[in-house]
Amino acid sequence: MNLNKQTCAKQACDCCRVRRVKCDGKGPCSSCLQHNLDCTYLQPFRKRGPKSIRSRSLRRIAEVQMTCENKSVMAGPVTSKKVPKKLIDQCLRLYHDNLYVIWPLLSYEDLHKLLEEEYDDCYVYWFLVALSAATLSDLQTEIESEERITFTGKQLSSICISSCQQFDDLEGSNVFNIMTYYCLHRSFAQASNTKTSYRLCCEAIGLVTMAGLHREETYEPLSFCEQQLRRKLYYLILMTERYYAVYLHCATSLDATISPPQPEFVTDPRLSLDSFLEMIRVFTVPGKCFFDALASDSTSVFCTEDSLKKIWTELHKASLNIEPWSYGYVDISFSRHWIRILAWKLVYQMKGTKFSSNVNNGLIPVEIARDMLEDAFLTPENLYDVHGPGIPMKTLEIATALVDIVGQYDRNMKFEAWNIMHDVSKFVFSLKHYDNGMIQRFSTKCQRALITLPISKTLQVNENSKNDEADIIS
């Protein structure tokens, strides 16, 4: 008889002892193989018991194995299979090719190095899985492993969160934790889960504060590369918070007191920061008080008529350095239209001002809508969904402003306004919407304004009616 096997047979493995089930003493035993557990013999013998496996038992198994093997938490998850390196690498390539220009965290070269050298560091692993999840969610695609198992962004998000909750609740404020929360936020935002995505964004904001990234002096001792990464991350989270301030009515905590990342010389246009730096400008021209006023539905004393005119003037044109109708251009153009219409709404609420009494300023929503339609007419449809709820929500904001004002025009202007309204409505309903409540409120407004929906008219841009140079704020 094999003495080693006899010895193992007298001593149940750690997993079977924790679960109190019969162990066949093999290495690995059949029970561990069936439940995909790491079969070890590290604890003294315990009596057998019930055969049911519980979540509490799974946690206890992990604790026993990690304690007895004298491993730190940094060794990573051991009770479940990790996402294969090759699958993560495929996601990282997709991110590099399509999404880096929008949220430029790390280049593929840097990400691949992390994957190869620090895959067993749980914080790095969680970030790479979260980034993979966000990439698949944003691109609305899925990926297949070598074992022919298909993964979606939602599945990778669940794997990441489950692993984090079991071994660490991400209380630390290192940069990988912050990036993990940001990427998970993007994944859930694309899945139409607004509450969860906002909560994850708040976690990232809290970690940013804990790490002191809201103070410029925090960056001074860091290398250029480390500064660049943290500055990019800071402004990604700042822009996200300002977006939620408008639609969830939450006051902002981050301000543009931190210097933005520096431009980088690159030969690959997919690694250019031009689009990202322009996006930062679009979101920081208005200032923190602008978004706080929108969050509270009031005209803040700091949002003066002059400051709102400045927003219109500075955001009237997009940067000429951005490649037309790329992922970056689409994000910038719709954000620019969106912020201009929000500025118009704020200043229009200022009763008794010269601006609100000037009839020409009622033409602003039409002017913005023309700009938006021109961009929409020339933009490939597949680019819209990459930005999740962003473009549909921003488009609805412009369409709603048109409905609010369309009945106030004189006879000559009313016909043009209704034509624009027609085309904007058609575009609005051609997009995938993430907030059914907002689209329902828009539909109700349209019905009250005697606009029949859905619109079936073909989307067209009237080039003759567009006035590029006119600044209609007086």
Protein backbone atom coordinates (compact mmCIF):
# COMPACT_ATOMS: atom_id res chain seq x y z
CA MET A 1 0.00 0.00 0.00
CA ASN A 2 1.16 3.49 -0.78
CA LEU A 3 2.18 4.98 2.58
CA ASN A 4 1.74 8.57 1.40
CA LYS A 5 -1.77 7.90 0.25
CA GLN A 6 -2.57 6.08 3.48
CA THR A 7 -1.33 9.05 5.45
CA CYS A 8 -3.44 11.45 3.40
CA ALA A 9 -6.48 9.20 3.75
CA LYS A 10 -6.26 9.43 7.55
CA GLN A 11 -6.13 13.21 7.37
CA ALA A 12 -8.86 15.12 5.56
CA CYS A 13 -7.82 18.20 3.59
CA ASP A 14 -8.37 21.68 4.99
CA CYS A 15 -11.37 22.40 2.75
CA CYS A 16 -13.21 19.18 3.65
CA ARG A 17 -12.54 19.74 7.35
CA VAL A 18 -13.93 23.30 7.24
CA ARG A 19 -16.98 22.06 5.32
CA ARG A 20 -17.16 18.89 7.47
CA VAL A 21 -17.48 16.53 4.52
CA LYS A 22 -15.80 13.21 3.77
CA CYS A 23 -12.41 13.51 2.10
CA ASP A 24 -10.93 10.74 -0.07
CA GLY A 25 -7.39 11.84 0.84
CA LYS A 26 -6.20 12.30 -2.70
CA GLY A 27 -4.16 15.29 -3.78
CA PRO A 28 -6.27 17.09 -4.81
CA CYS A 29 -9.33 15.31 -3.42
CA SER A 30 -12.43 14.80 -5.55
CA SER A 31 -14.54 17.16 -3.41
CA CYS A 32 -12.16 20.07 -3.92
CA LEU A 33 -12.03 19.33 -7.65
CA GLN A 34 -15.82 19.33 -7.83
CA HIS A 35 -16.11 22.72 -6.09
CA ASN A 36 -13.02 24.28 -7.73
CA LEU A 37 -11.17 24.70 -4.40
CA ASP A 38 -7.43 24.76 -3.65
CA CYS A 39 -6.84 21.41 -1.88
CA THR A 40 -4.32 21.71 1.00
CA TYR A 41 -3.33 19.71 4.13
CA LEU A 42 -2.21 22.36 6.58
CA GLN A 43 -4.48 22.04 9.68
CA PRO A 44 -4.81 19.39 12.40
CA PHE A 45 -7.47 16.70 11.93
CA ARG A 46 -11.10 17.62 12.63
CA LYS A 47 -14.21 15.49 12.81
CA ARG A 48 -16.50 15.07 9.82
CA GLY A 49 -19.86 16.83 9.72
CA PRO A 50 -22.66 18.01 7.42
CA LYS A 51 -21.98 17.94 3.71
CA SER A 52 -23.62 21.24 2.72
CA ILE A 53 -21.31 23.98 1.48
CA ARG A 54 -22.06 27.50 2.63
CA SER A 55 -20.68 30.94 1.80
CA ARG A 56 -19.45 31.14 5.41
CA SER A 57 -17.47 27.95 4.81
CA LEU A 58 -15.90 29.36 1.67
CA ARG A 59 -14.72 32.42 3.59
CA ARG A 60 -13.38 30.22 6.38
CA ILE A 61 -11.50 28.07 3.86
CA ALA A 62 -9.79 31.17 2.51
CA GLU A 63 -8.85 32.33 6.02
CA VAL A 64 -7.42 28.93 6.99
CA GLN A 65 -5.36 28.54 3.84
CA MET A 66 -4.03 32.08 3.85
CA THR A 67 -3.12 31.93 7.56
CA CYS A 68 -1.44 28.53 7.45
CA GLU A 69 0.57 29.29 4.35
CA ASN A 70 1.70 32.55 5.98
CA LYS A 71 0.82 34.57 2.90
CA SER A 72 -0.10 38.23 2.89
CA VAL A 73 -3.28 39.61 1.35
CA MET A 74 -1.17 40.84 -1.53
CA ALA A 75 -0.90 37.29 -2.81
CA GLY A 76 -4.39 37.72 -4.27
CA PRO A 77 -7.53 35.55 -4.35
CA VAL A 78 -7.08 31.82 -3.84
CA THR A 79 -10.63 30.46 -3.63
CA SER A 80 -11.63 31.27 -7.18
CA LYS A 81 -9.96 31.20 -10.54
CA LYS A 82 -8.46 34.47 -11.65
CA VAL A 83 -9.29 36.02 -15.00
CA PRO A 84 -6.66 34.66 -17.42
CA LYS A 85 -3.81 36.93 -18.41
CA LYS A 86 -4.44 36.47 -22.12
CA LEU A 87 -8.06 37.56 -21.80
CA ILE A 88 -7.11 40.66 -19.81
CA ASP A 89 -4.43 41.43 -22.39
CA GLN A 90 -7.00 41.35 -25.21
CA CYS A 91 -9.14 43.85 -23.28
CA LEU A 92 -6.15 46.10 -22.70
CA ARG A 93 -5.51 46.21 -26.45
CA LEU A 94 -9.15 47.17 -27.07
CA TYR A 95 -8.81 49.93 -24.50
CA HIS A 96 -5.62 51.23 -26.11
CA ASP A 97 -7.08 51.21 -29.63
CA ASN A 98 -10.45 52.78 -28.83
CA LEU A 99 -10.78 54.36 -25.40
CA TYR A 100 -7.43 55.71 -24.23
CA VAL A 101 -8.15 58.99 -26.03
CA ILE A 102 -11.28 59.45 -23.85
CA TRP A 103 -9.99 58.28 -20.46
CA PRO A 104 -6.19 58.11 -20.73
CA LEU A 105 -5.00 56.28 -17.65
CA LEU A 106 -2.06 54.16 -18.82
CA SER A 107 -0.79 53.20 -22.27
CA TYR A 108 -0.91 49.60 -23.43
CA GLU A 109 2.85 49.25 -22.93
CA ASP A 110 2.54 50.23 -19.26
CA LEU A 111 -0.57 48.11 -18.74
CA HIS A 112 1.03 45.06 -20.33
CA LYS A 113 4.06 45.47 -18.09
CA LEU A 114 1.81 45.56 -15.03
CA LEU A 115 0.01 42.46 -16.25
CA GLU A 116 3.23 40.51 -16.73
CA GLU A 117 5.10 41.65 -13.63
CA GLU A 118 2.42 42.37 -10.99
CA TYR A 119 -0.49 40.10 -11.90
CA ASP A 120 -0.24 38.47 -8.45
CA ASP A 121 -0.54 41.82 -6.65
CA CYS A 122 -4.25 41.89 -5.86
CA TYR A 123 -4.57 45.67 -6.15
CA VAL A 124 -3.04 45.66 -9.62
CA TYR A 125 -5.10 42.61 -10.60
CA TRP A 126 -8.35 44.25 -9.48
CA PHE A 127 -7.54 47.39 -11.45
CA LEU A 128 -6.74 45.43 -14.62
CA VAL A 129 -9.98 43.42 -14.33
CA ALA A 130 -12.00 46.59 -13.65
CA LEU A 131 -10.41 48.31 -16.66
CA SER A 132 -11.23 45.27 -18.79
CA ALA A 133 -14.83 45.36 -17.56
CA ALA A 134 -15.18 49.06 -18.34
CA THR A 135 -13.69 48.53 -21.80
CA LEU A 136 -16.09 45.74 -22.74
CA SER A 137 -19.02 47.70 -21.31
CA ASP A 138 -18.14 50.93 -23.13
CA LEU A 139 -17.61 49.15 -26.45
CA GLN A 140 -20.68 46.95 -25.84
CA THR A 141 -18.81 43.83 -26.78
CA GLU A 142 -17.75 40.53 -25.21
CA ILE A 143 -14.62 38.41 -25.35
CA GLU A 144 -13.91 34.68 -25.35
CA SER A 145 -11.18 32.91 -23.38
CA GLU A 146 -9.08 30.00 -24.64
CA GLU A 147 -11.47 27.67 -22.77
CA ARG A 148 -14.25 29.14 -24.94
CA ILE A 149 -15.84 30.90 -21.97
CA THR A 150 -17.44 34.20 -22.92
CA PHE A 151 -16.98 37.22 -20.67
CA THR A 152 -18.94 40.48 -20.73
CA GLY A 153 -18.21 43.74 -18.97
CA LYS A 154 -20.93 42.96 -16.42
CA GLN A 155 -19.40 39.57 -15.62
CA LEU A 156 -15.90 40.99 -15.18
CA SER A 157 -17.28 43.73 -12.91
CA SER A 158 -18.96 41.10 -10.74
CA ILE A 159 -15.75 39.05 -10.58
CA CYS A 160 -13.77 42.12 -9.55
CA ILE A 161 -16.24 43.25 -6.88
CA SER A 162 -16.62 39.74 -5.46
CA SER A 163 -12.85 39.35 -5.18
CA CYS A 164 -12.44 42.78 -3.58
CA GLN A 165 -15.17 42.20 -1.01
CA GLN A 166 -13.80 38.82 0.03
CA PHE A 167 -10.20 39.85 0.61
CA ASP A 168 -10.13 43.61 0.98
CA ASP A 169 -12.76 46.36 0.99
CA LEU A 170 -10.45 48.77 -0.84
CA GLU A 171 -10.08 51.12 2.11
CA GLY A 172 -6.54 51.99 1.07
CA SER A 173 -6.00 55.15 -0.95
CA ASN A 174 -3.30 53.95 -3.35
CA VAL A 175 -3.68 54.91 -6.98
CA PHE A 176 -4.74 51.40 -8.07
CA ASN A 177 -7.69 51.46 -5.65
CA ILE A 178 -8.84 54.81 -7.03
CA MET A 179 -8.51 53.64 -10.63
CA THR A 180 -10.41 50.45 -9.80
CA TYR A 181 -13.36 52.41 -8.44
CA TYR A 182 -13.31 54.75 -11.44
CA CYS A 183 -13.32 51.87 -13.92
CA LEU A 184 -16.10 50.05 -12.05
CA HIS A 185 -18.09 53.28 -12.12
CA ARG A 186 -17.77 53.41 -15.92
CA SER A 187 -18.85 49.81 -16.26
CA PHE A 188 -21.99 50.28 -14.16
CA ALA A 189 -22.82 53.61 -15.84
CA GLN A 190 -22.90 51.84 -19.20
CA ALA A 191 -25.16 49.17 -17.67
CA SER A 192 -27.75 51.85 -16.76
CA ASN A 193 -27.16 51.36 -13.03
CA THR A 194 -26.98 55.02 -12.03
CA LYS A 195 -27.14 54.56 -8.25
CA THR A 196 -24.33 52.03 -8.16
CA SER A 197 -22.15 53.96 -10.60
CA TYR A 198 -22.58 57.16 -8.59
CA ARG A 199 -21.76 55.35 -5.33
CA LEU A 200 -18.57 54.00 -6.91
CA CYS A 201 -17.72 57.50 -8.12
CA CYS A 202 -18.18 58.80 -4.55
CA GLU A 203 -15.83 56.09 -3.27
CA ALA A 204 -13.22 57.24 -5.77
CA ILE A 205 -13.70 60.87 -4.70
CA GLY A 206 -13.25 59.87 -1.05
CA LEU A 207 -10.01 58.04 -1.85
CA VAL A 208 -8.79 61.04 -3.86
CA THR A 209 -9.25 63.18 -0.74
CA MET A 210 -7.59 60.59 1.51
CA ALA A 211 -4.59 60.48 -0.84
CA GLY A 212 -4.40 64.29 -0.88
CA LEU A 213 -4.73 64.49 -4.65
CA HIS A 214 -6.89 67.60 -4.27
CA ARG A 215 -3.78 69.49 -3.04
CA GLU A 216 -1.08 70.54 -5.48
CA GLU A 217 1.74 70.01 -2.99
CA THR A 218 0.96 66.27 -2.96
CA TYR A 219 2.29 65.97 -6.51
CA GLU A 220 5.60 67.78 -6.00
CA PRO A 221 7.73 64.85 -4.71
CA LEU A 222 6.44 62.47 -7.41
CA SER A 223 8.15 61.62 -10.68
CA PHE A 224 6.77 63.06 -13.92
CA CYS A 225 5.07 59.78 -14.89
CA GLU A 226 3.46 59.39 -11.47
CA GLN A 227 2.25 62.98 -11.55
CA GLN A 228 0.80 62.54 -15.02
CA LEU A 229 -1.19 59.47 -14.02
CA ARG A 230 -2.62 61.07 -10.89
CA ARG A 231 -3.47 64.34 -12.65
CA LYS A 232 -5.30 62.42 -15.39
CA LEU A 233 -7.19 60.42 -12.78
CA TYR A 234 -8.06 63.51 -10.76
CA TYR A 235 -9.64 65.28 -13.72
CA LEU A 236 -11.46 62.18 -14.93
CA ILE A 237 -13.15 61.97 -11.53
CA LEU A 238 -13.73 65.74 -11.37
CA MET A 239 -15.56 65.70 -14.72
CA THR A 240 -17.61 62.69 -13.65
CA GLU A 241 -18.64 64.40 -10.41
CA ARG A 242 -19.71 67.51 -12.30
CA TYR A 243 -21.84 65.45 -14.67
CA TYR A 244 -23.63 63.83 -11.72
CA ALA A 245 -24.10 67.24 -10.07
CA VAL A 246 -26.44 68.19 -12.92
CA TYR A 247 -28.55 65.03 -12.97
CA LEU A 248 -28.43 63.80 -9.37
CA HIS A 249 -28.38 67.31 -7.83
CA CYS A 250 -25.30 66.67 -5.69
CA ALA A 251 -22.95 69.48 -4.72
CA THR A 252 -19.39 69.05 -5.99
CA SER A 253 -16.32 68.63 -3.79
CA LEU A 254 -13.45 68.75 -6.32
CA ASP A 255 -12.24 71.98 -7.90
CA ALA A 256 -9.82 72.81 -10.72
CA THR A 257 -7.06 73.86 -8.33
CA ILE A 258 -4.79 71.08 -9.57
CA SER A 259 -2.68 71.66 -12.67
CA PRO A 260 -3.84 69.45 -15.55
CA PRO A 261 -1.49 66.84 -17.02
CA GLN A 262 1.17 68.07 -19.41
CA PRO A 263 0.99 67.44 -23.17
CA GLU A 264 3.07 64.45 -24.20
CA PHE A 265 5.02 63.91 -27.40
CA VAL A 266 3.73 60.72 -29.04
CA THR A 267 3.99 59.13 -32.48
CA ASP A 268 0.77 57.13 -32.09
CA PRO A 269 -2.26 59.47 -32.41
CA ARG A 270 -4.24 57.12 -30.16
CA LEU A 271 -2.00 58.19 -27.28
CA SER A 272 -2.42 61.93 -27.81
CA LEU A 273 -3.73 63.91 -24.84
CA ASP A 274 -5.12 66.71 -27.04
CA SER A 275 -8.72 65.51 -26.76
CA PHE A 276 -8.46 64.92 -23.03
CA LEU A 277 -6.95 68.35 -22.34
CA GLU A 278 -9.67 69.98 -24.44
CA MET A 279 -12.30 68.05 -22.49
CA ILE A 280 -10.81 69.32 -19.23
CA ARG A 281 -11.11 72.86 -20.60
CA VAL A 282 -14.76 72.31 -21.51
CA PHE A 283 -15.59 71.15 -17.99
CA THR A 284 -13.51 73.73 -16.11
CA VAL A 285 -14.38 76.91 -18.04
CA PRO A 286 -17.73 77.09 -16.16
CA GLY A 287 -16.20 76.74 -12.68
CA LYS A 288 -17.33 74.81 -9.62
CA CYS A 289 -20.06 77.31 -8.67
CA PHE A 290 -21.74 76.76 -12.05
CA PHE A 291 -22.32 73.06 -11.34
CA ASP A 292 -23.26 73.70 -7.73
CA ALA A 293 -25.91 76.16 -8.93
CA LEU A 294 -27.28 73.52 -11.30
CA ALA A 295 -27.23 70.94 -8.52
CA SER A 296 -29.34 73.18 -6.30
CA ASP A 297 -31.62 74.42 -9.12
CA SER A 298 -30.84 78.02 -8.23
CA THR A 299 -28.98 80.96 -9.72
CA SER A 300 -25.89 81.19 -7.59
CA VAL A 301 -24.63 84.68 -6.78
CA PHE A 302 -21.29 83.56 -8.19
CA CYS A 303 -22.86 82.69 -11.56
CA THR A 304 -23.22 86.19 -12.89
CA GLU A 305 -24.50 87.21 -16.29
CA ASP A 306 -20.93 88.08 -17.34
CA SER A 307 -19.57 84.68 -16.26
CA LEU A 308 -22.24 82.89 -18.26
CA LYS A 309 -21.50 85.02 -21.32
CA LYS A 310 -17.87 83.96 -20.94
CA ILE A 311 -18.93 80.31 -21.04
CA TRP A 312 -20.83 80.91 -24.28
CA THR A 313 -17.91 82.75 -25.87
CA GLU A 314 -15.17 80.31 -24.86
CA LEU A 315 -17.13 77.18 -25.71
CA HIS A 316 -18.63 78.43 -28.97
CA LYS A 317 -15.93 76.66 -30.98
CA ALA A 318 -14.10 73.37 -30.52
CA SER A 319 -10.32 73.13 -30.73
CA LEU A 320 -8.98 72.74 -34.25
CA ASN A 321 -6.32 70.33 -32.98
CA ILE A 322 -8.81 67.52 -32.38
CA GLU A 323 -9.31 64.93 -35.11
CA PRO A 324 -12.84 65.50 -36.50
CA TRP A 325 -15.49 62.91 -35.62
CA SER A 326 -13.22 60.69 -33.59
CA TYR A 327 -14.14 59.27 -30.17
CA GLY A 328 -12.52 62.29 -28.56
CA TYR A 329 -14.18 64.83 -30.86
CA VAL A 330 -17.66 63.40 -30.26
CA ASP A 331 -17.21 63.54 -26.49
CA ILE A 332 -15.98 67.14 -26.64
CA SER A 333 -18.55 68.47 -29.10
CA PHE A 334 -21.61 67.14 -27.27
CA SER A 335 -20.23 68.24 -23.90
CA ARG A 336 -19.63 71.71 -25.32
CA HIS A 337 -23.20 71.97 -26.63
CA TRP A 338 -24.53 70.61 -23.32
CA ILE A 339 -22.68 73.12 -21.11
CA ARG A 340 -23.69 76.04 -23.34
CA ILE A 341 -27.38 75.10 -23.04
CA LEU A 342 -27.00 74.72 -19.26
CA ALA A 343 -25.45 78.19 -19.11
CA TRP A 344 -28.34 79.57 -21.14
CA LYS A 345 -30.86 77.95 -18.77
CA LEU A 346 -29.14 79.43 -15.72
CA VAL A 347 -28.95 82.95 -17.05
CA TYR A 348 -32.50 82.79 -18.41
CA GLN A 349 -33.71 82.16 -14.86
CA MET A 350 -32.27 85.51 -13.76
CA LYS A 351 -35.48 87.49 -13.77
CA GLY A 352 -35.19 91.19 -14.37
CA THR A 353 -31.77 91.05 -16.02
CA LYS A 354 -31.00 92.65 -19.34
CA PHE A 355 -30.20 89.21 -20.71
CA SER A 356 -33.57 87.61 -19.88
CA SER A 357 -35.46 90.57 -21.33
CA ASN A 358 -33.53 90.53 -24.63
CA VAL A 359 -35.67 88.71 -27.19
CA ASN A 360 -32.61 87.72 -29.27
CA ASN A 361 -31.35 85.51 -26.49
CA GLY A 362 -34.33 83.24 -27.03
CA LEU A 363 -32.60 82.15 -30.24
CA ILE A 364 -29.69 80.58 -28.36
CA PRO A 365 -31.24 77.07 -28.05
CA VAL A 366 -31.84 77.05 -31.81
CA GLU A 367 -28.23 78.05 -32.46
CA ILE A 368 -26.93 75.31 -30.14
CA ALA A 369 -29.28 72.76 -31.68
CA ARG A 370 -27.98 73.61 -35.16
CA ASP A 371 -24.41 73.04 -33.96
CA MET A 372 -25.37 69.71 -32.43
CA LEU A 373 -27.23 68.53 -35.54
CA GLU A 374 -24.26 69.31 -37.74
CA ASP A 375 -22.03 67.16 -35.54
CA ALA A 376 -24.66 64.42 -35.35
CA PHE A 377 -25.16 64.35 -39.13
CA LEU A 378 -21.44 63.78 -39.75
CA THR A 379 -20.70 61.40 -36.86
CA PRO A 380 -20.71 57.59 -37.35
CA GLU A 381 -23.52 56.07 -35.28
CA ASN A 382 -21.23 53.54 -33.56
CA LEU A 383 -19.42 56.36 -31.72
CA TYR A 384 -22.45 57.44 -29.68
CA ASP A 385 -22.83 54.33 -27.51
CA VAL A 386 -19.18 54.39 -26.40
CA HIS A 387 -19.99 57.33 -24.14
CA GLY A 388 -22.71 55.50 -22.25
CA PRO A 389 -25.42 57.79 -20.87
CA GLY A 390 -23.46 60.95 -21.72
CA ILE A 391 -24.57 61.77 -25.26
CA PRO A 392 -28.27 60.82 -24.86
CA MET A 393 -28.58 62.86 -21.66
CA LYS A 394 -26.78 65.89 -23.10
CA THR A 395 -28.89 65.71 -26.26
CA LEU A 396 -32.07 65.55 -24.22
CA GLU A 397 -31.00 68.68 -22.35
CA ILE A 398 -30.79 70.61 -25.61
CA ALA A 399 -34.05 69.16 -26.93
CA THR A 400 -35.86 70.01 -23.70
CA ALA A 401 -34.64 73.62 -23.84
CA LEU A 402 -36.01 73.87 -27.38
CA VAL A 403 -39.41 72.62 -26.29
CA ASP A 404 -39.45 75.13 -23.42
CA ILE A 405 -38.81 78.08 -25.73
CA VAL A 406 -40.34 77.09 -29.06
CA GLY A 407 -43.74 78.59 -28.29
CA GLN A 408 -42.29 82.03 -27.50
CA TYR A 409 -41.06 82.90 -31.00
CA ASP A 410 -42.79 85.23 -33.40
CA ARG A 411 -44.43 83.84 -36.54
CA ASN A 412 -41.32 84.08 -38.77
CA MET A 413 -38.95 82.51 -36.26
CA LYS A 414 -41.42 79.93 -35.01
CA PHE A 415 -41.40 77.99 -38.28
CA GLU A 416 -37.60 77.65 -38.24
CA ALA A 417 -37.62 76.69 -34.56
CA TRP A 418 -40.19 73.97 -35.17
CA ASN A 419 -38.15 72.56 -38.04
CA ILE A 420 -35.09 72.39 -35.80
CA MET A 421 -37.21 70.83 -33.06
CA HIS A 422 -38.36 68.21 -35.55
CA ASP A 423 -34.82 67.16 -36.46
CA VAL A 424 -33.57 67.24 -32.86
CA SER A 425 -36.47 65.05 -31.71
CA LYS A 426 -35.73 62.51 -34.40
CA PHE A 427 -32.10 62.38 -33.34
CA VAL A 428 -33.03 62.11 -29.66
CA PHE A 429 -35.21 59.08 -30.29
CA SER A 430 -32.58 57.40 -32.47
CA LEU A 431 -30.23 57.06 -29.47
CA LYS A 432 -30.15 54.38 -26.82
CA HIS A 433 -31.46 56.03 -23.65
CA TYR A 434 -30.42 55.22 -20.11
CA ASP A 435 -32.89 57.31 -18.10
CA ASN A 436 -36.48 56.37 -18.88
CA GLY A 437 -37.78 59.02 -16.50
CA MET A 438 -36.05 61.85 -18.35
CA ILE A 439 -37.18 60.63 -21.78
CA GLN A 440 -40.73 60.33 -20.47
CA ARG A 441 -40.67 63.90 -19.16
CA PHE A 442 -39.35 65.06 -22.52
CA SER A 443 -42.14 63.21 -24.35
CA THR A 444 -44.74 64.80 -22.09
CA LYS A 445 -43.34 68.27 -22.80
CA CYS A 446 -43.43 67.58 -26.52
CA GLN A 447 -47.04 66.46 -26.35
CA ARG A 448 -48.01 69.59 -24.43
CA ALA A 449 -46.27 71.66 -27.12
CA LEU A 450 -48.31 69.78 -29.75
CA ILE A 451 -45.23 67.96 -31.10
CA THR A 452 -46.19 64.46 -32.21
CA LEU A 453 -43.75 61.69 -31.29
CA PRO A 454 -42.01 59.60 -32.47
CA ILE A 455 -40.67 61.72 -35.30
CA SER A 456 -40.35 60.01 -38.68
CA LYS A 457 -38.83 62.86 -40.70
CA THR A 458 -35.33 62.20 -42.11
CA LEU A 459 -32.56 63.99 -40.22
CA GLN A 460 -31.15 66.83 -42.30
CA VAL A 461 -28.92 69.82 -41.65
CA ASN A 462 -29.86 73.10 -43.28
CA GLU A 463 -26.49 74.62 -44.16
CA ASN A 464 -28.05 77.87 -45.35
CA SER A 465 -29.61 78.59 -41.99
CA LYS A 466 -26.41 78.08 -39.96
CA ASN A 467 -24.56 81.15 -38.75
CA ASP A 468 -21.14 80.10 -37.45
CA GLU A 469 -19.82 83.48 -36.39
CA ALA A 470 -22.88 85.05 -34.78
CA ASP A 471 -22.59 85.60 -31.06
CA ILE A 472 -26.19 86.13 -30.08
CA ILE A 473 -25.55 86.90 -26.45
CA SER A 474 -25.76 90.67 -26.16
